[in-house]
Amino acid sequence: MQTLVIHPKDASTDLLKPIYENLICSVITGNSTKTEVYELVSLLDRIIMLGHGSPSGLFVVGQFTDEHRTD
């Protein structure tokens, strides 16, 4: 099973790194376009999203990743 971890770079959530540090996985911490993220999500079997969020999505510094947005 191939895994993608989306864990935006944020010192307040660094304590979550042990969750995936021993997994063989792709990790996104930032600097990826929405197209790149969508492409990886469609190719991989399991997605782990870590960080601060709300029922609508994951917060990222300077933006908000939301499954309902189209831009």
N, C-alpha and C. Protein backbone atom coordinates (compact mmCIF):
# COMPACT_ATOMS: atom_id res chain seq x y z
N MET A 1 0.85 -1.18 0.00
CA MET A 1 0.00 0.00 0.00
C MET A 1 0.89 1.24 0.00
N GLN A 2 0.64 2.13 -0.94
CA GLN A 2 1.42 3.36 -1.02
C GLN A 2 0.71 4.47 -0.25
N THR A 3 1.50 5.23 0.51
CA THR A 3 0.95 6.25 1.41
C THR A 3 1.48 7.63 1.07
N LEU A 4 0.59 8.61 1.14
CA LEU A 4 0.95 10.02 1.02
C LEU A 4 0.65 10.68 2.34
N VAL A 5 1.61 11.43 2.88
CA VAL A 5 1.41 12.21 4.10
C VAL A 5 1.43 13.68 3.72
N ILE A 6 0.37 14.40 4.08
CA ILE A 6 0.31 15.85 3.89
C ILE A 6 0.43 16.45 5.28
N HIS A 7 1.58 17.06 5.54
CA HIS A 7 1.87 17.63 6.86
C HIS A 7 2.54 18.98 6.67
N PRO A 8 1.74 20.05 6.52
CA PRO A 8 2.32 21.37 6.30
C PRO A 8 3.35 21.71 7.37
N LYS A 9 4.44 22.33 6.93
CA LYS A 9 5.53 22.70 7.84
C LYS A 9 5.01 23.69 8.87
N ASP A 10 5.06 23.29 10.13
CA ASP A 10 4.54 24.10 11.23
C ASP A 10 5.18 23.57 12.52
N ALA A 11 5.98 24.39 13.17
CA ALA A 11 6.69 23.95 14.37
C ALA A 11 5.74 23.43 15.46
N SER A 12 4.52 23.96 15.49
CA SER A 12 3.59 23.53 16.54
C SER A 12 3.04 22.12 16.30
N THR A 13 3.27 21.55 15.11
CA THR A 13 2.81 20.18 14.85
C THR A 13 3.97 19.23 14.56
N ASP A 14 5.20 19.67 14.80
CA ASP A 14 6.36 18.78 14.61
C ASP A 14 6.25 17.50 15.44
N LEU A 15 5.55 17.55 16.56
CA LEU A 15 5.40 16.39 17.41
C LEU A 15 4.67 15.23 16.71
N LEU A 16 4.05 15.51 15.56
CA LEU A 16 3.34 14.48 14.81
C LEU A 16 4.25 13.68 13.87
N LYS A 17 5.47 14.15 13.65
CA LYS A 17 6.38 13.47 12.73
C LYS A 17 6.61 11.99 13.04
N PRO A 18 6.70 11.58 14.30
CA PRO A 18 6.91 10.15 14.57
C PRO A 18 5.80 9.24 14.01
N ILE A 19 4.64 9.80 13.74
CA ILE A 19 3.55 9.00 13.16
C ILE A 19 3.97 8.38 11.84
N TYR A 20 4.77 9.12 11.05
CA TYR A 20 5.11 8.63 9.71
C TYR A 20 6.61 8.49 9.45
N GLU A 21 7.46 8.83 10.40
CA GLU A 21 8.89 8.83 10.11
C GLU A 21 9.47 7.46 9.78
N ASN A 22 8.83 6.39 10.19
CA ASN A 22 9.33 5.05 9.86
C ASN A 22 8.54 4.38 8.75
N LEU A 23 7.62 5.10 8.13
CA LEU A 23 6.86 4.57 7.01
C LEU A 23 7.59 4.84 5.70
N ILE A 24 7.39 3.98 4.75
CA ILE A 24 7.84 4.26 3.38
C ILE A 24 6.69 5.02 2.75
N CYS A 25 6.86 6.32 2.54
CA CYS A 25 5.76 7.15 2.07
C CYS A 25 6.29 8.40 1.38
N SER A 26 5.39 9.06 0.64
CA SER A 26 5.67 10.38 0.08
C SER A 26 5.15 11.40 1.08
N VAL A 27 5.91 12.47 1.31
CA VAL A 27 5.52 13.48 2.29
C VAL A 27 5.49 14.84 1.61
N ILE A 28 4.39 15.56 1.77
CA ILE A 28 4.26 16.93 1.29
C ILE A 28 4.25 17.84 2.51
N THR A 29 5.20 18.77 2.57
CA THR A 29 5.26 19.73 3.68
C THR A 29 4.97 21.16 3.21
N GLY A 30 4.86 21.36 1.94
CA GLY A 30 4.60 22.67 1.37
C GLY A 30 5.22 22.77 -0.01
N ASN A 31 5.10 23.92 -0.62
CA ASN A 31 5.68 24.21 -1.93
C ASN A 31 5.22 23.25 -3.03
N SER A 32 4.00 22.76 -2.94
CA SER A 32 3.42 21.93 -3.99
C SER A 32 2.19 22.64 -4.54
N THR A 33 1.99 22.53 -5.83
CA THR A 33 0.80 23.12 -6.41
C THR A 33 -0.41 22.23 -6.12
N LYS A 34 -1.58 22.81 -6.22
CA LYS A 34 -2.80 22.04 -6.02
C LYS A 34 -2.87 20.88 -7.01
N THR A 35 -2.44 21.12 -8.25
CA THR A 35 -2.43 20.06 -9.27
C THR A 35 -1.52 18.92 -8.86
N GLU A 36 -0.33 19.24 -8.34
CA GLU A 36 0.61 18.20 -7.90
C GLU A 36 0.01 17.38 -6.76
N VAL A 37 -0.64 18.04 -5.82
CA VAL A 37 -1.25 17.33 -4.69
C VAL A 37 -2.37 16.43 -5.18
N TYR A 38 -3.25 16.95 -6.02
CA TYR A 38 -4.35 16.15 -6.55
C TYR A 38 -3.84 14.93 -7.31
N GLU A 39 -2.77 15.12 -8.07
CA GLU A 39 -2.20 14.01 -8.83
C GLU A 39 -1.70 12.90 -7.90
N LEU A 40 -0.97 13.29 -6.87
CA LEU A 40 -0.47 12.29 -5.90
C LEU A 40 -1.63 11.60 -5.17
N VAL A 41 -2.63 12.38 -4.78
CA VAL A 41 -3.79 11.80 -4.08
C VAL A 41 -4.47 10.75 -4.95
N SER A 42 -4.56 11.02 -6.24
CA SER A 42 -5.25 10.07 -7.13
C SER A 42 -4.43 8.81 -7.38
N LEU A 43 -3.12 8.87 -7.19
CA LEU A 43 -2.26 7.73 -7.47
C LEU A 43 -2.01 6.82 -6.28
N LEU A 44 -2.13 7.34 -5.08
CA LEU A 44 -1.74 6.58 -3.89
C LEU A 44 -2.95 6.00 -3.16
N ASP A 45 -2.71 4.94 -2.39
CA ASP A 45 -3.78 4.19 -1.74
C ASP A 45 -4.27 4.79 -0.42
N ARG A 46 -3.36 5.42 0.31
CA ARG A 46 -3.70 5.92 1.64
C ARG A 46 -3.18 7.34 1.77
N ILE A 47 -4.01 8.23 2.33
CA ILE A 47 -3.64 9.63 2.54
C ILE A 47 -3.74 9.93 4.03
N ILE A 48 -2.66 10.46 4.61
CA ILE A 48 -2.67 10.88 6.00
C ILE A 48 -2.46 12.39 6.01
N MET A 49 -3.41 13.12 6.59
CA MET A 49 -3.31 14.58 6.67
C MET A 49 -3.10 14.96 8.13
N LEU A 50 -2.03 15.70 8.39
CA LEU A 50 -1.67 16.07 9.76
C LEU A 50 -1.53 17.58 9.85
N GLY A 51 -1.95 18.14 10.97
CA GLY A 51 -1.80 19.58 11.19
C GLY A 51 -3.06 20.14 11.80
N HIS A 52 -3.21 21.45 11.70
CA HIS A 52 -4.39 22.13 12.23
C HIS A 52 -5.43 22.22 11.13
N GLY A 53 -6.67 21.98 11.46
CA GLY A 53 -7.71 22.02 10.45
C GLY A 53 -9.08 22.26 11.04
N SER A 54 -10.05 22.10 10.17
CA SER A 54 -11.45 22.23 10.55
C SER A 54 -12.22 21.16 9.77
N PRO A 55 -13.51 21.03 9.98
CA PRO A 55 -14.26 20.05 9.20
C PRO A 55 -14.19 20.27 7.69
N SER A 56 -13.79 21.46 7.27
CA SER A 56 -13.72 21.77 5.84
C SER A 56 -12.37 21.49 5.20
N GLY A 57 -11.32 21.31 5.99
CA GLY A 57 -10.02 21.06 5.39
C GLY A 57 -8.87 21.34 6.33
N LEU A 58 -7.67 21.34 5.77
CA LEU A 58 -6.44 21.51 6.52
C LEU A 58 -5.91 22.92 6.37
N PHE A 59 -5.58 23.57 7.49
CA PHE A 59 -5.00 24.91 7.43
C PHE A 59 -3.54 24.85 7.02
N VAL A 60 -3.14 25.76 6.15
CA VAL A 60 -1.76 25.88 5.70
C VAL A 60 -1.42 27.36 5.79
N VAL A 61 -0.21 27.69 6.24
CA VAL A 61 0.19 29.09 6.40
C VAL A 61 -0.05 29.84 5.09
N GLY A 62 -0.84 30.91 5.16
CA GLY A 62 -1.09 31.75 4.00
C GLY A 62 -2.17 31.25 3.07
N GLN A 63 -2.73 30.07 3.34
CA GLN A 63 -3.80 29.56 2.49
C GLN A 63 -4.60 28.53 3.27
N PHE A 64 -5.63 28.03 2.66
CA PHE A 64 -6.46 27.02 3.30
C PHE A 64 -6.75 25.95 2.27
N THR A 65 -6.37 24.72 2.56
CA THR A 65 -6.61 23.61 1.65
C THR A 65 -7.99 23.07 1.98
N ASP A 66 -8.89 23.16 1.03
CA ASP A 66 -10.27 22.79 1.27
C ASP A 66 -10.78 21.94 0.13
N GLU A 67 -11.32 20.78 0.42
CA GLU A 67 -11.78 19.87 -0.62
C GLU A 67 -12.90 20.45 -1.46
N HIS A 68 -13.57 21.51 -0.98
CA HIS A 68 -14.71 22.07 -1.71
C HIS A 68 -14.33 23.22 -2.63
N ARG A 69 -13.10 23.70 -2.54
CA ARG A 69 -12.68 24.83 -3.39
C ARG A 69 -12.31 24.32 -4.77
N THR A 70 -12.46 25.19 -5.76
CA THR A 70 -12.13 24.81 -7.13
C THR A 70 -10.99 25.61 -7.72
N ASP A 71 -10.44 26.57 -6.96
CA ASP A 71 -9.35 27.40 -7.52
C ASP A 71 -7.99 26.81 -7.25
